[in-house]
Structures are given as structure tokens and as C-alpha cells.
């Protein structure tokens, strides 16, 4: 398995300014609130707001929850592993973007 096999985790357009409630995020991802709360506790996603009832999530959070779910469901990765995998995938994406910019010059 090459690293390219792991890249297409999500597709579509992410709107950074999305403001999803906990309920909306759960519905969009097909998960229970407990799962999302666990992701918040592991710092995999970060809501805006201090109280659970007032939490709001960005489009990036939506992508991260869906990616976390796939890692957990398809590969059996635990929460700590999900946090590490998502951080590494984001870093890899950033490095690829830097490489594209460098190759254009």
C-alpha cells in the first residue's frame, strides 16, 4: 500500500465559515454526540463556545470527524492514533503544497 492509497479520505468543498451545532455535525456525519465529544476531548476537533449546548463547529471539523470515523471504522485506529494520523496527513498536505509552489518557481 502506497501513501497515495490513503489520500482520498474526503472530497467536496469545505466552507471554513460553516457554523454547525453539535446536533447538525452528528447528523451530517452519522455519529452519536458521545463520539464527537470524545473527539473534542482528544483535541481532534475544537468547537467554538464554552458550553456543549453552545458549541459550533467549522467545515474543517466536519471533514476531520468524517476522516476520524473512517480511520476508526475501516482501520480500527483508536482516538490517540486518529489524532496523530490526522495531524500527519495535514502536515503532508502542507508539504505537498509547498513542493508545488517550489516546483513552479
N, C-alpha and C. Protein backbone atom coordinates (compact mmCIF):
# COMPACT_ATOMS: atom_id res chain seq x y z
N UNK A 1 0.85 -1.18 0.00
CA UNK A 1 0.00 0.00 0.00
C UNK A 1 0.89 1.23 0.00
N UNK A 2 0.63 2.11 -0.95
CA UNK A 2 1.41 3.34 -1.03
C UNK A 2 0.69 4.45 -0.29
N UNK A 3 1.41 5.54 -0.06
CA UNK A 3 0.79 6.68 0.64
C UNK A 3 -0.33 7.28 -0.18
N UNK A 4 -0.28 7.14 -1.50
CA UNK A 4 -1.36 7.67 -2.35
C UNK A 4 -2.67 6.94 -2.14
N UNK A 5 -2.63 5.70 -1.67
CA UNK A 5 -3.84 4.95 -1.39
C UNK A 5 -4.63 5.55 -0.23
N UNK A 6 -3.98 6.30 0.63
CA UNK A 6 -4.62 6.86 1.81
C UNK A 6 -5.12 8.29 1.60
N UNK A 7 -4.80 8.91 0.49
CA UNK A 7 -5.13 10.31 0.30
C UNK A 7 -6.61 10.62 0.13
N UNK A 8 -7.37 9.90 -0.68
CA UNK A 8 -8.76 10.34 -0.90
C UNK A 8 -9.69 10.03 0.26
N UNK A 9 -9.48 10.70 1.37
CA UNK A 9 -10.33 10.49 2.53
C UNK A 9 -11.59 11.33 2.43
N UNK A 10 -11.50 12.50 1.85
CA UNK A 10 -12.68 13.35 1.72
C UNK A 10 -12.67 14.06 0.37
N UNK A 11 -13.85 14.37 -0.09
CA UNK A 11 -13.97 15.14 -1.32
C UNK A 11 -15.02 16.22 -1.11
N UNK A 12 -15.03 17.19 -1.96
CA UNK A 12 -16.02 18.25 -1.85
C UNK A 12 -15.38 19.55 -1.43
N UNK A 13 -16.23 20.53 -1.24
CA UNK A 13 -15.78 21.85 -0.85
C UNK A 13 -16.04 22.07 0.63
N UNK A 14 -15.03 22.50 1.34
CA UNK A 14 -15.17 22.81 2.75
C UNK A 14 -15.35 24.31 2.88
N UNK A 15 -16.39 24.68 3.55
CA UNK A 15 -16.63 26.10 3.80
C UNK A 15 -16.17 26.38 5.22
N UNK A 16 -15.10 27.09 5.34
CA UNK A 16 -14.48 27.35 6.63
C UNK A 16 -15.44 28.02 7.60
N UNK A 17 -16.32 28.85 7.09
CA UNK A 17 -17.20 29.62 7.97
C UNK A 17 -18.45 28.88 8.39
N UNK A 18 -18.58 27.60 8.01
CA UNK A 18 -19.75 26.83 8.46
C UNK A 18 -19.83 26.91 9.97
N UNK A 19 -21.04 27.02 10.47
CA UNK A 19 -21.28 27.06 11.91
C UNK A 19 -22.29 25.99 12.24
N UNK A 20 -21.82 24.78 12.46
CA UNK A 20 -22.69 23.65 12.75
C UNK A 20 -22.84 23.46 14.25
N UNK A 21 -24.06 23.17 14.68
CA UNK A 21 -24.26 22.79 16.07
C UNK A 21 -23.79 21.35 16.25
N UNK A 22 -23.72 20.91 17.49
CA UNK A 22 -23.35 19.53 17.77
C UNK A 22 -24.33 18.58 17.09
N UNK A 23 -25.60 18.88 17.19
CA UNK A 23 -26.63 18.04 16.58
C UNK A 23 -26.48 17.98 15.06
N UNK A 24 -26.23 19.11 14.43
CA UNK A 24 -26.06 19.16 12.99
C UNK A 24 -24.82 18.39 12.55
N UNK A 25 -23.73 18.54 13.30
CA UNK A 25 -22.50 17.83 12.99
C UNK A 25 -22.71 16.32 13.10
N UNK A 26 -23.38 15.89 14.16
CA UNK A 26 -23.65 14.47 14.35
C UNK A 26 -24.50 13.93 13.21
N UNK A 27 -25.51 14.68 12.84
CA UNK A 27 -26.40 14.25 11.75
C UNK A 27 -25.63 14.17 10.42
N UNK A 28 -24.81 15.17 10.14
CA UNK A 28 -24.05 15.22 8.89
C UNK A 28 -23.05 14.06 8.78
N UNK A 29 -22.55 13.60 9.92
CA UNK A 29 -21.54 12.55 9.93
C UNK A 29 -22.12 11.18 10.27
N UNK A 30 -23.36 11.15 10.73
CA UNK A 30 -23.98 9.88 11.10
C UNK A 30 -23.37 9.27 12.35
N UNK A 31 -23.05 10.11 13.32
CA UNK A 31 -22.45 9.64 14.57
C UNK A 31 -23.24 10.16 15.76
N UNK A 32 -23.00 9.55 16.92
CA UNK A 32 -23.63 9.99 18.16
C UNK A 32 -22.82 11.13 18.77
N UNK A 33 -23.48 11.93 19.58
CA UNK A 33 -22.82 13.06 20.24
C UNK A 33 -21.64 12.61 21.09
N UNK A 34 -21.75 11.44 21.70
CA UNK A 34 -20.66 10.92 22.54
C UNK A 34 -19.36 10.79 21.74
N UNK A 35 -19.48 10.37 20.49
CA UNK A 35 -18.29 10.22 19.63
C UNK A 35 -17.66 11.59 19.39
N UNK A 36 -18.47 12.57 19.07
CA UNK A 36 -17.95 13.92 18.81
C UNK A 36 -17.33 14.50 20.08
N UNK A 37 -17.97 14.30 21.20
CA UNK A 37 -17.43 14.78 22.48
C UNK A 37 -16.07 14.14 22.75
N UNK A 38 -15.94 12.85 22.43
CA UNK A 38 -14.64 12.18 22.58
C UNK A 38 -13.58 12.80 21.70
N UNK A 39 -13.97 13.18 20.49
CA UNK A 39 -13.02 13.84 19.58
C UNK A 39 -12.59 15.20 20.11
N UNK A 40 -13.52 15.91 20.73
CA UNK A 40 -13.19 17.20 21.34
C UNK A 40 -12.23 16.98 22.50
N UNK A 41 -12.51 15.99 23.34
CA UNK A 41 -11.66 15.70 24.50
C UNK A 41 -10.25 15.33 24.08
N UNK A 42 -10.09 14.70 22.91
CA UNK A 42 -8.76 14.33 22.41
C UNK A 42 -8.12 15.43 21.58
N UNK A 43 -8.79 16.60 21.50
CA UNK A 43 -8.32 17.75 20.72
C UNK A 43 -8.21 17.44 19.23
N UNK A 44 -9.02 16.51 18.75
CA UNK A 44 -9.06 16.20 17.32
C UNK A 44 -9.84 17.28 16.59
N UNK A 45 -10.88 17.78 17.23
CA UNK A 45 -11.63 18.93 16.73
C UNK A 45 -11.79 19.91 17.89
N UNK A 46 -11.96 21.18 17.53
CA UNK A 46 -12.12 22.21 18.56
C UNK A 46 -13.36 23.04 18.26
N UNK A 47 -14.36 22.95 19.13
CA UNK A 47 -15.56 23.76 18.91
C UNK A 47 -15.37 25.19 19.37
N UNK A 48 -16.20 26.05 18.85
CA UNK A 48 -16.29 27.41 19.35
C UNK A 48 -17.37 27.40 20.43
N UNK A 49 -17.14 28.06 21.53
CA UNK A 49 -18.12 28.11 22.61
C UNK A 49 -17.66 27.31 23.81
N UNK A 50 -18.15 27.72 24.99
CA UNK A 50 -17.71 27.10 26.24
C UNK A 50 -18.60 25.96 26.70
N UNK A 51 -19.87 26.03 26.40
CA UNK A 51 -20.82 25.02 26.86
C UNK A 51 -21.23 24.12 25.69
N UNK A 52 -21.44 22.84 25.95
CA UNK A 52 -21.80 21.90 24.90
C UNK A 52 -23.00 22.38 24.11
N UNK A 53 -23.98 22.95 24.78
CA UNK A 53 -25.19 23.41 24.10
C UNK A 53 -24.90 24.57 23.14
N UNK A 54 -23.80 25.26 23.35
CA UNK A 54 -23.45 26.42 22.52
C UNK A 54 -22.31 26.13 21.55
N UNK A 55 -21.82 24.90 21.53
CA UNK A 55 -20.73 24.56 20.63
C UNK A 55 -21.12 24.80 19.18
N UNK A 56 -20.18 25.32 18.40
CA UNK A 56 -20.34 25.49 16.97
C UNK A 56 -19.07 24.93 16.31
N UNK A 57 -19.25 24.27 15.19
CA UNK A 57 -18.15 23.59 14.51
C UNK A 57 -17.99 24.13 13.10
N UNK A 58 -16.75 24.24 12.67
CA UNK A 58 -16.43 24.73 11.33
C UNK A 58 -16.52 23.60 10.31
N UNK A 59 -16.40 23.98 9.04
CA UNK A 59 -16.37 22.99 7.98
C UNK A 59 -15.17 22.05 8.11
N UNK A 60 -14.07 22.57 8.60
CA UNK A 60 -12.88 21.73 8.82
C UNK A 60 -13.18 20.65 9.86
N UNK A 61 -13.94 20.99 10.88
CA UNK A 61 -14.33 20.00 11.89
C UNK A 61 -15.15 18.88 11.26
N UNK A 62 -16.04 19.25 10.36
CA UNK A 62 -16.85 18.26 9.66
C UNK A 62 -15.97 17.27 8.90
N UNK A 63 -14.99 17.78 8.19
CA UNK A 63 -14.06 16.93 7.45
C UNK A 63 -13.27 16.04 8.40
N UNK A 64 -12.80 16.61 9.51
CA UNK A 64 -12.00 15.84 10.47
C UNK A 64 -12.83 14.74 11.14
N UNK A 65 -14.09 15.02 11.44
CA UNK A 65 -14.94 13.99 12.06
C UNK A 65 -15.16 12.85 11.07
N UNK A 66 -15.44 13.19 9.82
CA UNK A 66 -15.65 12.14 8.81
C UNK A 66 -14.38 11.33 8.60
N UNK A 67 -13.24 11.99 8.56
CA UNK A 67 -11.97 11.29 8.41
C UNK A 67 -11.68 10.41 9.62
N UNK A 68 -11.95 10.93 10.81
CA UNK A 68 -11.74 10.16 12.04
C UNK A 68 -12.62 8.92 12.04
N UNK A 69 -13.84 9.07 11.61
CA UNK A 69 -14.76 7.94 11.55
C UNK A 69 -14.25 6.86 10.61
N UNK A 70 -13.76 7.29 9.46
CA UNK A 70 -13.21 6.30 8.51
C UNK A 70 -11.98 5.59 9.07
N UNK A 71 -11.10 6.33 9.70
CA UNK A 71 -9.91 5.72 10.30
C UNK A 71 -10.30 4.70 11.37
N UNK A 72 -11.29 5.06 12.17
CA UNK A 72 -11.74 4.17 13.24
C UNK A 72 -12.45 2.94 12.67
N UNK A 73 -13.40 3.19 11.78
CA UNK A 73 -14.22 2.11 11.23
C UNK A 73 -13.43 1.20 10.31
N UNK A 74 -12.67 1.76 9.38
CA UNK A 74 -12.01 0.97 8.36
C UNK A 74 -10.69 0.35 8.81
N UNK A 75 -9.98 1.07 9.69
CA UNK A 75 -8.65 0.60 10.10
C UNK A 75 -8.55 0.24 11.57
N UNK A 76 -9.60 0.52 12.34
CA UNK A 76 -9.58 0.19 13.76
C UNK A 76 -8.65 1.07 14.59
N UNK A 77 -8.40 2.28 14.11
CA UNK A 77 -7.49 3.19 14.81
C UNK A 77 -8.20 3.80 16.02
N UNK A 78 -7.51 3.84 17.17
CA UNK A 78 -8.10 4.44 18.38
C UNK A 78 -7.99 5.97 18.32
N UNK A 79 -8.56 6.63 19.31
CA UNK A 79 -8.62 8.10 19.29
C UNK A 79 -7.23 8.75 19.25
N UNK A 80 -6.30 8.24 20.04
CA UNK A 80 -4.96 8.81 20.03
C UNK A 80 -4.31 8.63 18.66
N UNK A 81 -4.51 7.48 18.06
CA UNK A 81 -3.98 7.22 16.73
C UNK A 81 -4.64 8.10 15.67
N UNK A 82 -5.94 8.33 15.83
CA UNK A 82 -6.66 9.21 14.90
C UNK A 82 -6.08 10.61 14.96
N UNK A 83 -5.86 11.11 16.17
CA UNK A 83 -5.30 12.46 16.32
C UNK A 83 -3.95 12.55 15.61
N UNK A 84 -3.10 11.57 15.83
CA UNK A 84 -1.78 11.57 15.20
C UNK A 84 -1.89 11.45 13.69
N UNK A 85 -2.72 10.54 13.20
CA UNK A 85 -2.87 10.33 11.76
C UNK A 85 -3.39 11.59 11.06
N UNK A 86 -4.40 12.23 11.64
CA UNK A 86 -4.94 13.44 11.02
C UNK A 86 -3.92 14.57 11.00
N UNK A 87 -3.18 14.72 12.08
CA UNK A 87 -2.14 15.75 12.11
C UNK A 87 -1.06 15.48 11.06
N UNK A 88 -0.66 14.22 10.93
CA UNK A 88 0.36 13.87 9.94
C UNK A 88 -0.16 14.06 8.52
N UNK A 89 -1.41 13.72 8.27
CA UNK A 89 -1.98 13.91 6.94
C UNK A 89 -2.07 15.39 6.58
N UNK A 90 -2.42 16.23 7.55
CA UNK A 90 -2.46 17.67 7.29
C UNK A 90 -1.05 18.21 7.02
N UNK A 91 -0.08 17.72 7.77
CA UNK A 91 1.30 18.15 7.54
C UNK A 91 1.78 17.71 6.16
N UNK A 92 1.43 16.50 5.76
CA UNK A 92 1.79 16.00 4.45
C UNK A 92 1.16 16.86 3.35
N UNK A 93 -0.10 17.22 3.52
CA UNK A 93 -0.77 18.10 2.55
C UNK A 93 -0.06 19.45 2.45
N UNK A 94 0.33 20.00 3.58
CA UNK A 94 1.02 21.29 3.58
C UNK A 94 2.37 21.19 2.88
N UNK A 95 3.08 20.10 3.13
CA UNK A 95 4.38 19.91 2.47
C UNK A 95 4.22 19.74 0.97
N UNK A 96 3.18 19.04 0.55
CA UNK A 96 2.92 18.88 -0.89
C UNK A 96 2.61 20.23 -1.54
N UNK A 97 1.86 21.06 -0.85
CA UNK A 97 1.56 22.39 -1.37
C UNK A 97 2.83 23.22 -1.50
N UNK A 98 3.70 23.14 -0.50
CA UNK A 98 4.97 23.86 -0.56
C UNK A 98 5.82 23.36 -1.72
N UNK A 99 5.81 22.06 -1.94
CA UNK A 99 6.58 21.47 -3.04
C UNK A 99 6.04 21.95 -4.38
N UNK A 100 4.73 22.01 -4.53
CA UNK A 100 4.13 22.52 -5.77
C UNK A 100 4.57 23.95 -6.04
N UNK A 101 4.55 24.78 -5.00
CA UNK A 101 4.96 26.18 -5.14
C UNK A 101 6.43 26.26 -5.53
N UNK A 102 7.25 25.46 -4.91
CA UNK A 102 8.68 25.46 -5.20
C UNK A 102 8.96 25.00 -6.61
N UNK A 103 8.21 24.01 -7.08
CA UNK A 103 8.43 23.48 -8.43
C UNK A 103 7.97 24.46 -9.50
N UNK A 104 7.02 25.34 -9.19
CA UNK A 104 6.55 26.34 -10.15
C UNK A 104 7.60 27.43 -10.38
N UNK A 105 8.40 27.71 -9.37
CA UNK A 105 9.40 28.80 -9.47
C UNK A 105 10.57 28.45 -10.32
